[in-house]
Amino acid sequence: MSLSDDAPSAADETLRTLATAAMDLAAARGWRRVSLSAVAERAGVPLGTLYRHARSRSDLLAAVARLADAAVLADAGGGPADESPRDRLFDVMMRRFDALQPFRPGLAAVMRDLPWEPLTALAFAPAFGRSMAWMLRAAGLDPDARGGPLLVAGLGMVDARVMRVFAGDDTPDLSRTMAALDSELRRAESTLESCFGMTKRGRVEPNPSP
């Protein structure tokens, strides 16, 4: 297989099977009642296969995030050069929410239960941060530049707020999610521009030397 071959691998398909099983179980019984053994049984895979792909329940949440990220990145071009960073982020994040739609009932259960599982939330945090960093890259922003970690944290806060709307959005076109995302990005835009030095092209300018 060449490096340019983007066909899904068997590992990718197994990851999707496990993530789907986890979210289906969460929707049916609540996230707190989802065990790794139950996920393996639902997915129809041996525990050894599950272990190779997800060694904790937080890894299952990370798998869902990775699947959504991959769907966005498969068609990522940074957007037209004349688009604002906010417009490009809106497009990227809405594509991510579209990719998460099959998991929405399970994610709603996760959001209800995760506050009662702080250790799981803490373990998932690095994977969530990586997801937000890749979404910034997909929008033509640079999370690796100086000030980038603040952009990652800011987008994470936007995503967390909009996710609450998305979890209950039963509109055919996710119009409630779109409205919430637009509102949150507009709220964040002035802060990003004034505090983090984001230029109109979406780059983070180096802070001037003292």
N, C-alpha and C. Protein backbone atom coordinates (compact mmCIF):
# COMPACT_ATOMS: atom_id res chain seq x y z
N MET A 1 0.85 -1.20 0.00
CA MET A 1 0.00 0.00 0.00
C MET A 1 0.88 1.24 0.00
N SER A 2 0.62 2.17 -0.89
CA SER A 2 1.42 3.38 -0.94
C SER A 2 0.94 4.37 0.10
N LEU A 3 1.81 5.39 0.34
CA LEU A 3 1.45 6.41 1.32
C LEU A 3 0.28 7.24 0.85
N SER A 4 0.01 7.23 -0.45
CA SER A 4 -1.10 8.02 -0.98
C SER A 4 -2.42 7.26 -0.99
N ASP A 5 -2.39 6.00 -0.58
CA ASP A 5 -3.61 5.18 -0.59
C ASP A 5 -4.41 5.48 0.66
N ASP A 6 -5.58 6.13 0.48
CA ASP A 6 -6.40 6.54 1.62
C ASP A 6 -7.55 5.60 1.89
N ALA A 7 -7.53 4.41 1.30
CA ALA A 7 -8.61 3.46 1.54
C ALA A 7 -8.62 3.05 3.01
N PRO A 8 -9.82 2.93 3.61
CA PRO A 8 -9.89 2.53 5.02
C PRO A 8 -9.22 1.18 5.23
N SER A 9 -8.44 1.09 6.29
CA SER A 9 -7.77 -0.16 6.63
C SER A 9 -8.68 -1.01 7.50
N ALA A 10 -8.26 -2.28 7.69
CA ALA A 10 -9.03 -3.16 8.57
C ALA A 10 -9.05 -2.60 9.98
N ALA A 11 -7.94 -1.97 10.40
CA ALA A 11 -7.90 -1.36 11.73
C ALA A 11 -8.90 -0.22 11.86
N ASP A 12 -9.04 0.57 10.78
CA ASP A 12 -10.02 1.66 10.79
C ASP A 12 -11.43 1.12 10.94
N GLU A 13 -11.73 0.04 10.22
CA GLU A 13 -13.06 -0.54 10.28
C GLU A 13 -13.34 -1.13 11.66
N THR A 14 -12.32 -1.74 12.26
CA THR A 14 -12.49 -2.29 13.61
C THR A 14 -12.74 -1.16 14.60
N LEU A 15 -12.01 -0.07 14.45
CA LEU A 15 -12.19 1.08 15.34
C LEU A 15 -13.61 1.62 15.22
N ARG A 16 -14.12 1.70 14.00
CA ARG A 16 -15.49 2.19 13.81
C ARG A 16 -16.50 1.23 14.44
N THR A 17 -16.26 -0.07 14.29
CA THR A 17 -17.16 -1.06 14.89
C THR A 17 -17.19 -0.92 16.41
N LEU A 18 -16.04 -0.73 17.01
CA LEU A 18 -15.96 -0.58 18.47
C LEU A 18 -16.61 0.72 18.93
N ALA A 19 -16.34 1.81 18.22
CA ALA A 19 -16.93 3.10 18.60
C ALA A 19 -18.45 3.04 18.47
N THR A 20 -18.93 2.42 17.40
CA THR A 20 -20.38 2.30 17.21
C THR A 20 -21.01 1.47 18.32
N ALA A 21 -20.36 0.37 18.67
CA ALA A 21 -20.88 -0.48 19.75
C ALA A 21 -20.94 0.28 21.06
N ALA A 22 -19.89 1.04 21.36
CA ALA A 22 -19.85 1.81 22.61
C ALA A 22 -20.96 2.85 22.65
N MET A 23 -21.17 3.57 21.55
CA MET A 23 -22.18 4.61 21.53
C MET A 23 -23.59 4.03 21.53
N ASP A 24 -23.78 2.87 20.88
CA ASP A 24 -25.08 2.22 20.91
C ASP A 24 -25.43 1.79 22.34
N LEU A 25 -24.46 1.24 23.03
CA LEU A 25 -24.69 0.82 24.41
C LEU A 25 -24.94 2.03 25.31
N ALA A 26 -24.20 3.09 25.10
CA ALA A 26 -24.40 4.30 25.90
C ALA A 26 -25.81 4.84 25.72
N ALA A 27 -26.28 4.85 24.48
CA ALA A 27 -27.63 5.34 24.21
C ALA A 27 -28.69 4.46 24.87
N ALA A 28 -28.41 3.16 24.93
CA ALA A 28 -29.40 2.21 25.45
C ALA A 28 -29.43 2.14 26.97
N ARG A 29 -28.25 2.26 27.60
CA ARG A 29 -28.20 2.03 29.04
C ARG A 29 -27.50 3.11 29.85
N GLY A 30 -26.99 4.14 29.16
CA GLY A 30 -26.23 5.18 29.86
C GLY A 30 -24.76 4.87 29.84
N TRP A 31 -23.94 5.90 29.73
CA TRP A 31 -22.50 5.72 29.62
C TRP A 31 -21.89 5.04 30.84
N ARG A 32 -22.41 5.35 32.02
CA ARG A 32 -21.81 4.78 33.24
C ARG A 32 -21.98 3.26 33.30
N ARG A 33 -22.90 2.71 32.54
CA ARG A 33 -23.13 1.26 32.55
C ARG A 33 -22.48 0.56 31.36
N VAL A 34 -21.63 1.27 30.64
CA VAL A 34 -20.94 0.67 29.50
C VAL A 34 -19.58 0.16 29.96
N SER A 35 -19.41 -1.14 29.89
CA SER A 35 -18.13 -1.74 30.26
C SER A 35 -17.38 -2.16 29.00
N LEU A 36 -16.08 -2.32 29.13
CA LEU A 36 -15.28 -2.77 28.00
C LEU A 36 -15.71 -4.16 27.53
N SER A 37 -16.03 -5.02 28.48
CA SER A 37 -16.47 -6.37 28.10
C SER A 37 -17.76 -6.31 27.30
N ALA A 38 -18.68 -5.44 27.70
CA ALA A 38 -19.95 -5.31 26.98
C ALA A 38 -19.73 -4.78 25.57
N VAL A 39 -18.77 -3.86 25.42
CA VAL A 39 -18.47 -3.32 24.09
C VAL A 39 -17.92 -4.41 23.18
N ALA A 40 -16.99 -5.21 23.71
CA ALA A 40 -16.44 -6.31 22.91
C ALA A 40 -17.54 -7.27 22.47
N GLU A 41 -18.44 -7.60 23.40
CA GLU A 41 -19.54 -8.51 23.07
C GLU A 41 -20.45 -7.91 22.01
N ARG A 42 -20.80 -6.64 22.20
CA ARG A 42 -21.69 -5.98 21.23
C ARG A 42 -21.04 -5.89 19.85
N ALA A 43 -19.74 -5.62 19.84
CA ALA A 43 -19.03 -5.50 18.57
C ALA A 43 -18.71 -6.84 17.94
N GLY A 44 -18.83 -7.91 18.71
CA GLY A 44 -18.54 -9.24 18.20
C GLY A 44 -17.07 -9.49 17.97
N VAL A 45 -16.24 -8.92 18.87
CA VAL A 45 -14.78 -9.11 18.74
C VAL A 45 -14.24 -9.69 20.03
N PRO A 46 -13.12 -10.41 19.97
CA PRO A 46 -12.49 -10.90 21.20
C PRO A 46 -11.95 -9.75 22.04
N LEU A 47 -11.80 -10.01 23.33
CA LEU A 47 -11.24 -8.99 24.20
C LEU A 47 -9.85 -8.56 23.75
N GLY A 48 -9.08 -9.50 23.19
CA GLY A 48 -7.75 -9.16 22.73
C GLY A 48 -7.78 -8.12 21.61
N THR A 49 -8.77 -8.21 20.75
CA THR A 49 -8.91 -7.21 19.68
C THR A 49 -9.28 -5.86 20.26
N LEU A 50 -10.20 -5.86 21.21
CA LEU A 50 -10.56 -4.61 21.87
C LEU A 50 -9.34 -4.00 22.54
N TYR A 51 -8.54 -4.82 23.19
CA TYR A 51 -7.36 -4.33 23.91
C TYR A 51 -6.38 -3.64 22.97
N ARG A 52 -6.25 -4.14 21.76
CA ARG A 52 -5.32 -3.53 20.81
C ARG A 52 -5.78 -2.16 20.35
N HIS A 53 -7.08 -1.91 20.42
CA HIS A 53 -7.62 -0.64 19.90
C HIS A 53 -8.07 0.32 20.99
N ALA A 54 -8.51 -0.19 22.11
CA ALA A 54 -9.05 0.67 23.18
C ALA A 54 -8.82 -0.02 24.51
N ARG A 55 -7.91 0.52 25.30
CA ARG A 55 -7.57 -0.11 26.57
C ARG A 55 -8.30 0.50 27.76
N SER A 56 -9.15 1.46 27.48
CA SER A 56 -9.93 2.09 28.53
C SER A 56 -11.19 2.67 27.93
N ARG A 57 -12.13 3.04 28.76
CA ARG A 57 -13.36 3.64 28.26
C ARG A 57 -13.09 5.01 27.65
N SER A 58 -12.09 5.72 28.17
CA SER A 58 -11.72 7.00 27.56
C SER A 58 -11.17 6.79 26.15
N ASP A 59 -10.50 5.65 25.92
CA ASP A 59 -10.03 5.34 24.56
C ASP A 59 -11.20 5.17 23.59
N LEU A 60 -12.32 4.68 24.08
CA LEU A 60 -13.49 4.55 23.22
C LEU A 60 -14.02 5.93 22.82
N LEU A 61 -14.02 6.86 23.76
CA LEU A 61 -14.42 8.23 23.43
C LEU A 61 -13.44 8.84 22.43
N ALA A 62 -12.16 8.56 22.63
CA ALA A 62 -11.15 9.06 21.69
C ALA A 62 -11.35 8.46 20.31
N ALA A 63 -11.81 7.21 20.24
CA ALA A 63 -12.06 6.57 18.95
C ALA A 63 -13.17 7.29 18.19
N VAL A 64 -14.22 7.68 18.90
CA VAL A 64 -15.30 8.43 18.26
C VAL A 64 -14.76 9.75 17.71
N ALA A 65 -13.95 10.43 18.52
CA ALA A 65 -13.37 11.70 18.08
C ALA A 65 -12.48 11.51 16.86
N ARG A 66 -11.67 10.46 16.86
CA ARG A 66 -10.77 10.21 15.74
C ARG A 66 -11.54 9.94 14.45
N LEU A 67 -12.64 9.23 14.55
CA LEU A 67 -13.44 8.95 13.35
C LEU A 67 -14.01 10.25 12.77
N ALA A 68 -14.49 11.12 13.64
CA ALA A 68 -15.03 12.39 13.16
C ALA A 68 -13.91 13.26 12.57
N ASP A 69 -12.77 13.28 13.24
CA ASP A 69 -11.64 14.06 12.74
C ASP A 69 -11.21 13.57 11.36
N ALA A 70 -11.13 12.25 11.21
CA ALA A 70 -10.69 11.67 9.94
C ALA A 70 -11.64 12.04 8.81
N ALA A 71 -12.94 12.07 9.10
CA ALA A 71 -13.93 12.45 8.08
C ALA A 71 -13.71 13.88 7.63
N VAL A 72 -13.41 14.77 8.57
CA VAL A 72 -13.15 16.17 8.23
C VAL A 72 -11.85 16.31 7.45
N LEU A 73 -10.80 15.65 7.93
CA LEU A 73 -9.48 15.81 7.33
C LEU A 73 -9.39 15.18 5.95
N ALA A 74 -10.27 14.23 5.66
CA ALA A 74 -10.27 13.61 4.34
C ALA A 74 -10.65 14.60 3.25
N ASP A 75 -11.31 15.69 3.66
CA ASP A 75 -11.75 16.70 2.68
C ASP A 75 -11.36 18.09 3.15
N ALA A 76 -10.16 18.19 3.74
CA ALA A 76 -9.72 19.46 4.30
C ALA A 76 -8.83 20.19 3.30
N GLY A 77 -9.21 21.43 3.02
CA GLY A 77 -8.38 22.23 2.12
C GLY A 77 -8.06 23.60 2.67
N GLY A 78 -8.51 23.87 3.93
CA GLY A 78 -8.22 25.17 4.52
C GLY A 78 -9.20 26.25 4.15
N GLY A 79 -10.04 26.03 3.12
CA GLY A 79 -11.03 27.00 2.72
C GLY A 79 -10.43 28.08 1.84
N PRO A 80 -11.28 28.84 1.13
CA PRO A 80 -10.79 29.93 0.27
C PRO A 80 -9.96 30.93 1.06
N ALA A 81 -8.95 31.49 0.40
CA ALA A 81 -8.04 32.40 1.08
C ALA A 81 -8.74 33.66 1.57
N ASP A 82 -9.84 34.04 0.90
CA ASP A 82 -10.50 35.28 1.28
C ASP A 82 -11.54 35.07 2.39
N GLU A 83 -11.72 33.83 2.84
CA GLU A 83 -12.63 33.58 3.95
C GLU A 83 -11.98 33.94 5.27
N SER A 84 -12.78 34.40 6.20
CA SER A 84 -12.25 34.72 7.52
C SER A 84 -11.97 33.43 8.29
N PRO A 85 -11.07 33.50 9.29
CA PRO A 85 -10.84 32.31 10.12
C PRO A 85 -12.12 31.78 10.73
N ARG A 86 -13.02 32.69 11.14
CA ARG A 86 -14.28 32.24 11.73
C ARG A 86 -15.10 31.44 10.74
N ASP A 87 -15.18 31.91 9.48
CA ASP A 87 -15.95 31.19 8.47
C ASP A 87 -15.34 29.82 8.20
N ARG A 88 -14.01 29.75 8.14
CA ARG A 88 -13.37 28.47 7.88
C ARG A 88 -13.58 27.50 9.05
N LEU A 89 -13.49 28.03 10.27
CA LEU A 89 -13.74 27.18 11.44
C LEU A 89 -15.18 26.72 11.48
N PHE A 90 -16.09 27.59 11.09
CA PHE A 90 -17.50 27.19 11.06
C PHE A 90 -17.69 26.00 10.13
N ASP A 91 -17.11 26.10 8.94
CA ASP A 91 -17.25 25.01 7.97
C ASP A 91 -16.64 23.72 8.50
N VAL A 92 -15.46 23.81 9.07
CA VAL A 92 -14.77 22.62 9.57
C VAL A 92 -15.57 21.99 10.71
N MET A 93 -16.00 22.79 11.67
CA MET A 93 -16.69 22.24 12.83
C MET A 93 -18.06 21.68 12.47
N MET A 94 -18.74 22.30 11.50
CA MET A 94 -20.02 21.74 11.09
C MET A 94 -19.83 20.40 10.39
N ARG A 95 -18.75 20.26 9.62
CA ARG A 95 -18.47 18.96 9.02
C ARG A 95 -18.16 17.93 10.10
N ARG A 96 -17.53 18.37 11.17
CA ARG A 96 -17.26 17.44 12.27
C ARG A 96 -18.57 17.01 12.95
N PHE A 97 -19.46 17.96 13.18
CA PHE A 97 -20.75 17.60 13.78
C PHE A 97 -21.55 16.69 12.84
N ASP A 98 -21.48 16.93 11.54
CA ASP A 98 -22.14 16.02 10.58
C ASP A 98 -21.59 14.60 10.74
N ALA A 99 -20.28 14.50 10.87
CA ALA A 99 -19.66 13.17 11.01
C ALA A 99 -20.05 12.49 12.31
N LEU A 100 -20.38 13.29 13.33
CA LEU A 100 -20.76 12.73 14.63
C LEU A 100 -22.23 12.35 14.71
N GLN A 101 -23.02 12.67 13.69
CA GLN A 101 -24.45 12.42 13.78
C GLN A 101 -24.82 10.96 14.08
N PRO A 102 -24.14 9.97 13.49
CA PRO A 102 -24.52 8.59 13.82
C PRO A 102 -24.32 8.24 15.30
N PHE A 103 -23.47 9.00 15.98
CA PHE A 103 -23.17 8.72 17.39
C PHE A 103 -23.93 9.65 18.34
N ARG A 104 -24.82 10.49 17.82
CA ARG A 104 -25.43 11.54 18.64
C ARG A 104 -26.19 11.02 19.86
N PRO A 105 -27.02 9.99 19.76
CA PRO A 105 -27.70 9.51 20.97
C PRO A 105 -26.72 9.02 22.04
N GLY A 106 -25.67 8.33 21.61
CA GLY A 106 -24.68 7.88 22.57
C GLY A 106 -23.91 9.03 23.18
N LEU A 107 -23.57 10.03 22.38
CA LEU A 107 -22.85 11.19 22.90
C LEU A 107 -23.71 11.97 23.89
N ALA A 108 -25.02 12.02 23.65
CA ALA A 108 -25.90 12.68 24.61
C ALA A 108 -25.84 11.98 25.96
N ALA A 109 -25.79 10.64 25.94
CA ALA A 109 -25.67 9.88 27.19
C ALA A 109 -24.32 10.12 27.85
N VAL A 110 -23.28 10.20 27.05
CA VAL A 110 -21.94 10.49 27.59
C VAL A 110 -21.94 11.84 28.29
N MET A 111 -22.54 12.84 27.67
CA MET A 111 -22.56 14.18 28.25
C MET A 111 -23.33 14.21 29.56
N ARG A 112 -24.36 13.40 29.68
CA ARG A 112 -25.11 13.35 30.93
C ARG A 112 -24.30 12.71 32.05
N ASP A 113 -23.53 11.68 31.69
CA ASP A 113 -22.86 10.87 32.72
C ASP A 113 -21.42 11.29 33.00
N LEU A 114 -20.76 11.92 32.04
CA LEU A 114 -19.34 12.20 32.21
C LEU A 114 -19.02 13.09 33.42
N PRO A 115 -19.89 14.04 33.79
CA PRO A 115 -19.58 14.83 35.00
C PRO A 115 -19.44 13.96 36.25
N TRP A 116 -20.00 12.77 36.23
CA TRP A 116 -19.89 11.87 37.38
C TRP A 116 -18.67 10.96 37.26
N GLU A 117 -17.92 11.13 36.17
CA GLU A 117 -16.72 10.32 35.95
C GLU A 117 -15.54 11.23 35.65
N PRO A 118 -15.07 11.98 36.64
CA PRO A 118 -13.99 12.95 36.38
C PRO A 118 -12.70 12.31 35.89
N LEU A 119 -12.40 11.10 36.33
CA LEU A 119 -11.16 10.46 35.89
C LEU A 119 -11.24 10.09 34.41
N THR A 120 -12.41 9.63 33.97
CA THR A 120 -12.57 9.33 32.55
C THR A 120 -12.46 10.60 31.72
N ALA A 121 -13.09 11.68 32.21
CA ALA A 121 -13.01 12.95 31.50
C ALA A 121 -11.58 13.45 31.43
N LEU A 122 -10.84 13.31 32.52
CA LEU A 122 -9.45 13.75 32.55
C LEU A 122 -8.60 12.92 31.58
N ALA A 123 -8.85 11.63 31.52
CA ALA A 123 -8.09 10.77 30.62
C ALA A 123 -8.39 11.07 29.16
N PHE A 124 -9.62 11.52 28.88
CA PHE A 124 -10.02 11.83 27.51
C PHE A 124 -9.50 13.20 27.06
N ALA A 125 -9.17 14.06 27.99
CA ALA A 125 -8.81 15.44 27.67
C ALA A 125 -7.67 15.57 26.65
N PRO A 126 -6.58 14.81 26.76
CA PRO A 126 -5.52 14.96 25.75
C PRO A 126 -5.99 14.63 24.34
N ALA A 127 -6.80 13.58 24.19
CA ALA A 127 -7.32 13.22 22.86
C ALA A 127 -8.23 14.31 22.33
N PHE A 128 -9.03 14.90 23.22
CA PHE A 128 -9.92 15.98 22.80
C PHE A 128 -9.10 17.18 22.34
N GLY A 129 -8.04 17.50 23.07
CA GLY A 129 -7.17 18.60 22.67
C GLY A 129 -6.54 18.36 21.30
N ARG A 130 -6.11 17.12 21.07
CA ARG A 130 -5.53 16.80 19.76
C ARG A 130 -6.56 16.98 18.66
N SER A 131 -7.80 16.58 18.93
CA SER A 131 -8.86 16.75 17.93
C SER A 131 -9.05 18.22 17.58
N MET A 132 -9.10 19.07 18.59
CA MET A 132 -9.29 20.50 18.34
C MET A 132 -8.11 21.09 17.58
N ALA A 133 -6.91 20.62 17.87
CA ALA A 133 -5.73 21.09 17.14
C ALA A 133 -5.82 20.73 15.66
N TRP A 134 -6.28 19.51 15.36
CA TRP A 134 -6.41 19.10 13.97
C TRP A 134 -7.52 19.86 13.26
N MET A 135 -8.57 20.23 13.99
CA MET A 135 -9.62 21.02 13.37
C MET A 135 -9.11 22.42 13.03
N LEU A 136 -8.25 22.97 13.87
CA LEU A 136 -7.63 24.26 13.55
C LEU A 136 -6.77 24.14 12.30
N ARG A 137 -5.99 23.06 12.22
CA ARG A 137 -5.16 22.86 11.02
C ARG A 137 -6.05 22.74 9.77
N ALA A 138 -7.15 22.02 9.90
CA ALA A 138 -8.05 21.85 8.76
C ALA A 138 -8.63 23.18 8.30
N ALA A 139 -8.73 24.14 9.23
CA ALA A 139 -9.25 25.46 8.90
C ALA A 139 -8.14 26.43 8.49
N GLY A 140 -6.91 25.93 8.36
CA GLY A 140 -5.81 26.78 7.94
C GLY A 140 -5.18 27.58 9.05
N LEU A 141 -5.46 27.21 10.30
CA LEU A 141 -4.85 27.88 11.45
C LEU A 141 -3.72 27.01 12.00
N ASP A 142 -2.81 27.61 12.73
CA ASP A 142 -1.63 26.88 13.18
C ASP A 142 -1.60 26.74 14.70
N PRO A 143 -2.00 25.58 15.22
CA PRO A 143 -1.99 25.39 16.67
C PRO A 143 -0.59 25.16 17.23
N ASP A 144 0.40 25.03 16.34
CA ASP A 144 1.76 24.81 16.80
C ASP A 144 2.54 26.11 16.95
N ALA A 145 1.97 27.21 16.49
CA ALA A 145 2.62 28.51 16.63
C ALA A 145 2.48 29.02 18.05
N ARG A 146 3.25 30.05 18.36
CA ARG A 146 3.14 30.66 19.68
C ARG A 146 1.72 31.18 19.87
N GLY A 147 1.12 30.83 20.99
CA GLY A 147 -0.28 31.19 21.23
C GLY A 147 -1.25 30.13 20.75
N GLY A 148 -0.74 29.13 20.01
CA GLY A 148 -1.61 28.08 19.49
C GLY A 148 -2.36 27.30 20.55
N PRO A 149 -1.70 26.93 21.67
CA PRO A 149 -2.44 26.21 22.71
C PRO A 149 -3.66 26.95 23.22
N LEU A 150 -3.60 28.28 23.21
CA LEU A 150 -4.77 29.06 23.62
C LEU A 150 -5.89 28.95 22.60
N LEU A 151 -5.51 28.86 21.32
CA LEU A 151 -6.52 28.65 20.29
C LEU A 151 -7.18 27.29 20.46
N VAL A 152 -6.36 26.28 20.79
CA VAL A 152 -6.91 24.94 21.01
C VAL A 152 -7.90 24.96 22.16
N ALA A 153 -7.50 25.59 23.26
CA ALA A 153 -8.39 25.67 24.43
C ALA A 153 -9.67 26.44 24.10
N GLY A 154 -9.52 27.52 23.34
CA GLY A 154 -10.69 28.31 22.98
C GLY A 154 -11.66 27.54 22.11
N LEU A 155 -11.13 26.83 21.12
CA LEU A 155 -12.00 26.04 20.26
C LEU A 155 -12.64 24.90 21.04
N GLY A 156 -11.90 24.35 22.01
CA GLY A 156 -12.47 23.31 22.86
C GLY A 156 -13.68 23.81 23.63
N MET A 157 -13.59 25.04 24.14
CA MET A 157 -14.72 25.62 24.86
C MET A 157 -15.90 25.84 23.94
N VAL A 158 -15.62 26.31 22.72
CA VAL A 158 -16.69 26.48 21.74
C VAL A 158 -17.37 25.15 21.46
N ASP A 159 -16.56 24.12 21.21
CA ASP A 159 -17.11 22.80 20.90
C ASP A 159 -17.95 22.26 22.05
N ALA A 160 -17.47 22.41 23.28
CA ALA A 160 -18.20 21.88 24.43
C ALA A 160 -19.57 22.55 24.57
N ARG A 161 -19.62 23.85 24.33
CA ARG A 161 -20.91 24.56 24.44
C ARG A 161 -21.87 24.15 23.33
N VAL A 162 -21.34 24.04 22.12
CA VAL A 162 -22.20 23.70 20.99
C VAL A 162 -22.64 22.24 21.07
N MET A 163 -21.78 21.38 21.64
CA MET A 163 -22.12 19.96 21.75
C MET A 163 -23.40 19.76 22.56
N ARG A 164 -23.64 20.61 23.54
CA ARG A 164 -24.87 20.50 24.34
C ARG A 164 -26.10 20.72 23.46
N VAL A 165 -25.99 21.63 22.50
CA VAL A 165 -27.10 21.87 21.57
C VAL A 165 -27.20 20.72 20.58
N PHE A 166 -26.06 20.30 20.04
CA PHE A 166 -26.03 19.21 19.07
C PHE A 166 -26.66 17.94 19.62
N ALA A 167 -26.41 17.66 20.89
CA ALA A 167 -26.91 16.42 21.50
C ALA A 167 -28.43 16.33 21.44
N GLY A 168 -29.10 17.46 21.45
CA GLY A 168 -30.56 17.44 21.40
C GLY A 168 -31.14 18.00 20.12
N ASP A 169 -30.31 18.18 19.10
CA ASP A 169 -30.75 18.80 17.85
C ASP A 169 -31.34 17.74 16.92
N ASP A 170 -32.66 17.75 16.78
CA ASP A 170 -33.32 16.78 15.91
C ASP A 170 -33.78 17.41 14.59
N THR A 171 -33.28 18.61 14.28
CA THR A 171 -33.64 19.24 13.02
C THR A 171 -32.93 18.53 11.87
N PRO A 172 -33.57 18.44 10.70
CA PRO A 172 -32.98 17.68 9.59
C PRO A 172 -31.63 18.22 9.13
N ASP A 173 -31.45 19.53 9.23
CA ASP A 173 -30.23 20.14 8.73
C ASP A 173 -29.31 20.65 9.85
N LEU A 174 -29.57 20.19 11.08
CA LEU A 174 -28.79 20.65 12.24
C LEU A 174 -28.80 22.17 12.36
N SER A 175 -29.94 22.78 12.09
CA SER A 175 -30.01 24.24 12.10
C SER A 175 -29.76 24.82 13.49
N ARG A 176 -30.20 24.13 14.53
CA ARG A 176 -29.94 24.63 15.88
C ARG A 176 -28.45 24.57 16.20
N THR A 177 -27.80 23.52 15.75
CA THR A 177 -26.36 23.40 15.96
C THR A 177 -25.62 24.49 15.19
N MET A 178 -26.03 24.74 13.96
CA MET A 178 -25.40 25.78 13.15
C MET A 178 -25.53 27.15 13.81
N ALA A 179 -26.72 27.43 14.33
CA ALA A 179 -26.94 28.73 14.97
C ALA A 179 -26.08 28.86 16.22
N ALA A 180 -26.00 27.80 17.01
CA ALA A 180 -25.19 27.84 18.22
C ALA A 180 -23.71 27.99 17.89
N LEU A 181 -23.24 27.27 16.88
CA LEU A 181 -21.84 27.36 16.50
C LEU A 181 -21.50 28.75 15.99
N ASP A 182 -22.36 29.31 15.16
CA ASP A 182 -22.12 30.66 14.66
C ASP A 182 -22.04 31.65 15.81
N SER A 183 -22.96 31.53 16.77
CA SER A 183 -22.97 32.43 17.91
C SER A 183 -21.70 32.30 18.75
N GLU A 184 -21.29 31.06 19.02
CA GLU A 184 -20.11 30.85 19.87
C GLU A 184 -18.83 31.30 19.17
N LEU A 185 -18.73 31.07 17.87
CA LEU A 185 -17.54 31.52 17.15
C LEU A 185 -17.48 33.04 17.08
N ARG A 186 -18.62 33.69 16.90
CA ARG A 186 -18.64 35.15 16.88
C ARG A 186 -18.22 35.68 18.25
N ARG A 187 -18.67 35.02 19.30
CA ARG A 187 -18.30 35.45 20.65
C ARG A 187 -16.80 35.29 20.87
N ALA A 188 -16.24 34.21 20.33
CA ALA A 188 -14.82 33.94 20.53
C ALA A 188 -13.94 34.77 19.61
N GLU A 189 -14.49 35.23 18.49
CA GLU A 189 -13.66 35.89 17.47
C GLU A 189 -12.95 37.12 18.00
N SER A 190 -13.67 38.01 18.69
CA SER A 190 -13.04 39.24 19.17
C SER A 190 -11.96 38.94 20.20
N THR A 191 -12.20 37.91 21.02
CA THR A 191 -11.20 37.54 22.02
C THR A 191 -9.95 37.00 21.35
N LEU A 192 -10.12 36.16 20.34
CA LEU A 192 -8.97 35.61 19.64
C LEU A 192 -8.17 36.70 18.96
N GLU A 193 -8.87 37.64 18.33
CA GLU A 193 -8.18 38.71 17.62
C GLU A 193 -7.45 39.65 18.57
N SER A 194 -8.08 39.98 19.69
CA SER A 194 -7.49 40.97 20.58
C SER A 194 -6.45 40.39 21.52
N CYS A 195 -6.65 39.14 21.93
CA CYS A 195 -5.75 38.56 22.93
C CYS A 195 -4.65 37.69 22.33
N PHE A 196 -4.95 37.02 21.23
CA PHE A 196 -4.01 36.04 20.72
C PHE A 196 -3.35 36.46 19.42
N GLY A 197 -3.66 37.66 18.92
CA GLY A 197 -2.96 38.15 17.75
C GLY A 197 -3.32 37.44 16.47
N MET A 198 -4.55 36.94 16.34
CA MET A 198 -4.95 36.26 15.11
C MET A 198 -5.12 37.29 14.00
N THR A 199 -4.46 37.07 12.88
CA THR A 199 -4.58 37.96 11.74
C THR A 199 -5.79 37.56 10.91
N LYS A 200 -6.13 38.38 9.94
CA LYS A 200 -7.28 38.07 9.09
C LYS A 200 -7.07 36.80 8.30
N ARG A 201 -5.82 36.43 8.08
CA ARG A 201 -5.55 35.18 7.38
C ARG A 201 -5.56 33.98 8.32
N GLY A 202 -5.74 34.24 9.62
CA GLY A 202 -5.88 33.13 10.53
C GLY A 202 -4.60 32.66 11.17
N ARG A 203 -3.52 33.40 10.97
CA ARG A 203 -2.27 33.00 11.60
C ARG A 203 -2.16 33.63 12.98
N VAL A 204 -1.41 33.00 13.85
CA VAL A 204 -1.15 33.56 15.15
C VAL A 204 0.19 34.27 15.10
N GLU A 205 0.17 35.56 15.26
CA GLU A 205 1.41 36.33 15.17
C GLU A 205 2.23 36.13 16.44
N PRO A 206 3.56 36.06 16.32
CA PRO A 206 4.40 35.98 17.50
C PRO A 206 4.20 37.20 18.38
N ASN A 207 4.17 36.97 19.68
CA ASN A 207 4.08 38.10 20.60
C ASN A 207 5.36 38.92 20.52
N PRO A 208 5.24 40.24 20.54
CA PRO A 208 6.44 41.06 20.46
C PRO A 208 7.33 40.86 21.68
N SER A 209 8.62 40.95 21.46
CA SER A 209 9.56 40.81 22.58
C SER A 209 9.39 41.95 23.55
N PRO A 210 9.51 41.69 24.87
CA PRO A 210 9.34 42.77 25.84
C PRO A 210 10.47 43.78 25.70
